[in-house]
Amino acid sequence: MFGGKRESRSDRVHYWQGLMEEYSRSGLTVAVFCKERGVSVASFYQWRKKLLQQAEPSVATLLPVKLVSTSEQQPTGRSCIQILTPAGMSLAVSAATSEDDLVKLLRAITEASRSC
């Protein structure tokens, strides 16, 4: 990762934060992203969990949202909405999902992440 030198914890944290940001912008699956970057999937998930726990706000916060249009279709031919967080989490739902159902899903995820 750093040319064989013994890196500090802050160097490792900075490295993995950068990877998580790259991943969130990549549009790739975790497996493909990790293979391309030469990191293990297990390490990816382990670091994502650590970084999420460190960054977990004590109160709900609003994050910026970027809308991206793409001409790519899913293998099934159906459109989908994909939400990528700065921490590298990804959620994909059918574009046919109702607004009410999407709100319920996001609330459930938010409540579940607070109870962990």
Protein backbone atom coordinates (compact mmCIF):
# COMPACT_ATOMS: atom_id res chain seq x y z
CA MET A 1 0.00 0.00 0.00
CA PHE A 2 2.75 2.46 0.91
CA GLY A 3 5.86 0.81 -0.56
CA GLY A 4 6.65 -1.43 2.40
CA LYS A 5 7.15 1.40 4.91
CA ARG A 6 5.37 1.19 8.21
CA GLU A 7 2.65 3.79 7.80
CA SER A 8 0.91 5.61 10.61
CA ARG A 9 -2.75 5.10 11.47
CA SER A 10 -3.57 8.54 10.09
CA ASP A 11 -1.88 7.59 6.79
CA ARG A 12 -3.99 4.42 6.58
CA VAL A 13 -7.17 6.33 7.45
CA HIS A 14 -6.40 8.96 4.82
CA TYR A 15 -5.65 6.26 2.22
CA TRP A 16 -8.91 4.41 2.85
CA GLN A 17 -10.96 7.61 2.97
CA GLY A 18 -9.59 8.40 -0.48
CA LEU A 19 -10.47 4.92 -1.73
CA MET A 20 -14.02 5.22 -0.36
CA GLU A 21 -14.45 8.55 -2.14
CA GLU A 22 -13.12 7.01 -5.38
CA TYR A 23 -15.48 4.06 -4.98
CA SER A 24 -18.52 6.28 -4.44
CA ARG A 25 -17.79 8.08 -7.72
CA SER A 26 -16.77 4.98 -9.68
CA GLY A 27 -20.14 3.36 -10.33
CA LEU A 28 -18.41 -0.03 -9.99
CA THR A 29 -19.34 -2.95 -7.80
CA VAL A 30 -17.20 -3.41 -4.69
CA ALA A 31 -15.65 -6.57 -6.15
CA VAL A 32 -14.62 -4.91 -9.43
CA PHE A 33 -13.40 -1.75 -7.69
CA CYS A 34 -11.27 -3.73 -5.21
CA LYS A 35 -9.80 -5.91 -7.95
CA GLU A 36 -8.84 -2.85 -10.00
CA ARG A 37 -7.23 -1.18 -6.94
CA GLY A 38 -5.51 -4.34 -5.70
CA VAL A 39 -7.24 -4.40 -2.31
CA SER A 40 -9.20 -7.22 -0.72
CA VAL A 41 -12.97 -7.01 -0.53
CA ALA A 42 -12.79 -7.96 3.16
CA SER A 43 -10.44 -5.04 3.88
CA PHE A 44 -12.71 -2.71 1.93
CA TYR A 45 -15.73 -3.62 4.06
CA GLN A 46 -13.72 -3.57 7.28
CA TRP A 47 -12.40 -0.07 6.57
CA ARG A 48 -15.78 1.18 5.37
CA LYS A 49 -17.29 0.07 8.68
CA LYS A 50 -14.50 1.77 10.66
CA LEU A 51 -14.83 5.01 8.71
CA LEU A 52 -18.62 5.02 9.00
CA GLN A 53 -18.40 4.53 12.76
CA GLN A 54 -15.91 7.40 13.06
CA ALA A 55 -17.97 9.71 10.89
CA GLU A 56 -21.37 8.83 12.32
CA PRO A 57 -23.05 12.10 13.27
CA SER A 58 -24.91 12.31 16.56
CA VAL A 59 -27.80 14.11 14.84
CA ALA A 60 -29.23 13.77 11.38
CA THR A 61 -27.46 15.92 8.82
CA LEU A 62 -28.24 16.80 5.26
CA LEU A 63 -25.69 15.81 2.68
CA PRO A 64 -25.27 17.18 -0.83
CA VAL A 65 -26.93 15.17 -3.56
CA LYS A 66 -25.62 14.98 -7.09
CA LEU A 67 -27.99 13.89 -9.84
CA VAL A 68 -26.29 12.12 -12.70
CA SER A 69 -27.97 11.16 -15.92
CA THR A 70 -26.77 8.04 -17.66
CA SER A 71 -27.79 6.34 -20.85
CA GLU A 72 -26.77 2.94 -19.49
CA GLN A 73 -29.60 0.56 -18.68
CA GLN A 74 -29.59 -2.22 -16.19
CA PRO A 75 -29.20 -5.76 -17.58
CA THR A 76 -32.93 -6.26 -17.12
CA GLY A 77 -33.64 -3.22 -19.32
CA ARG A 78 -35.25 -1.35 -16.42
CA SER A 79 -34.12 2.02 -15.15
CA CYS A 80 -32.97 2.43 -11.59
CA ILE A 81 -32.07 5.13 -9.11
CA GLN A 82 -28.72 4.69 -7.41
CA ILE A 83 -27.79 6.63 -4.28
CA LEU A 84 -24.08 6.78 -3.44
CA THR A 85 -22.94 8.25 -0.14
CA PRO A 86 -19.61 9.95 0.49
CA ALA A 87 -18.77 7.04 2.79
CA GLY A 88 -19.09 4.59 -0.09
CA MET A 89 -22.45 3.07 0.64
CA SER A 90 -24.70 2.40 -2.32
CA LEU A 91 -28.45 1.88 -2.63
CA ALA A 92 -30.16 1.05 -5.93
CA VAL A 93 -33.92 0.94 -6.38
CA SER A 94 -36.18 0.71 -9.37
CA ALA A 95 -37.02 4.05 -10.96
CA ALA A 96 -40.64 2.94 -10.65
CA THR A 97 -40.37 3.04 -6.84
CA SER A 98 -42.91 5.48 -5.46
CA GLU A 99 -41.74 8.57 -3.58
CA ASP A 100 -43.53 7.34 -0.44
CA ASP A 101 -41.78 3.97 -0.58
CA LEU A 102 -38.40 5.62 -1.14
CA VAL A 103 -38.94 7.92 1.86
CA LYS A 104 -39.92 4.91 4.01
CA LEU A 105 -36.83 3.01 2.87
CA LEU A 106 -34.48 5.92 3.62
CA ARG A 107 -36.06 6.44 7.06
CA ALA A 108 -35.69 2.75 7.87
CA ILE A 109 -32.01 2.80 6.85
CA THR A 110 -31.38 5.94 8.90
CA GLU A 111 -33.08 4.47 11.99
CA ALA A 112 -31.25 1.15 11.60
CA SER A 113 -27.87 2.86 11.32
CA ARG A 114 -28.53 4.81 14.54
CA SER A 115 -29.34 1.64 16.49
CA CYS A 116 -26.11 -0.15 15.50
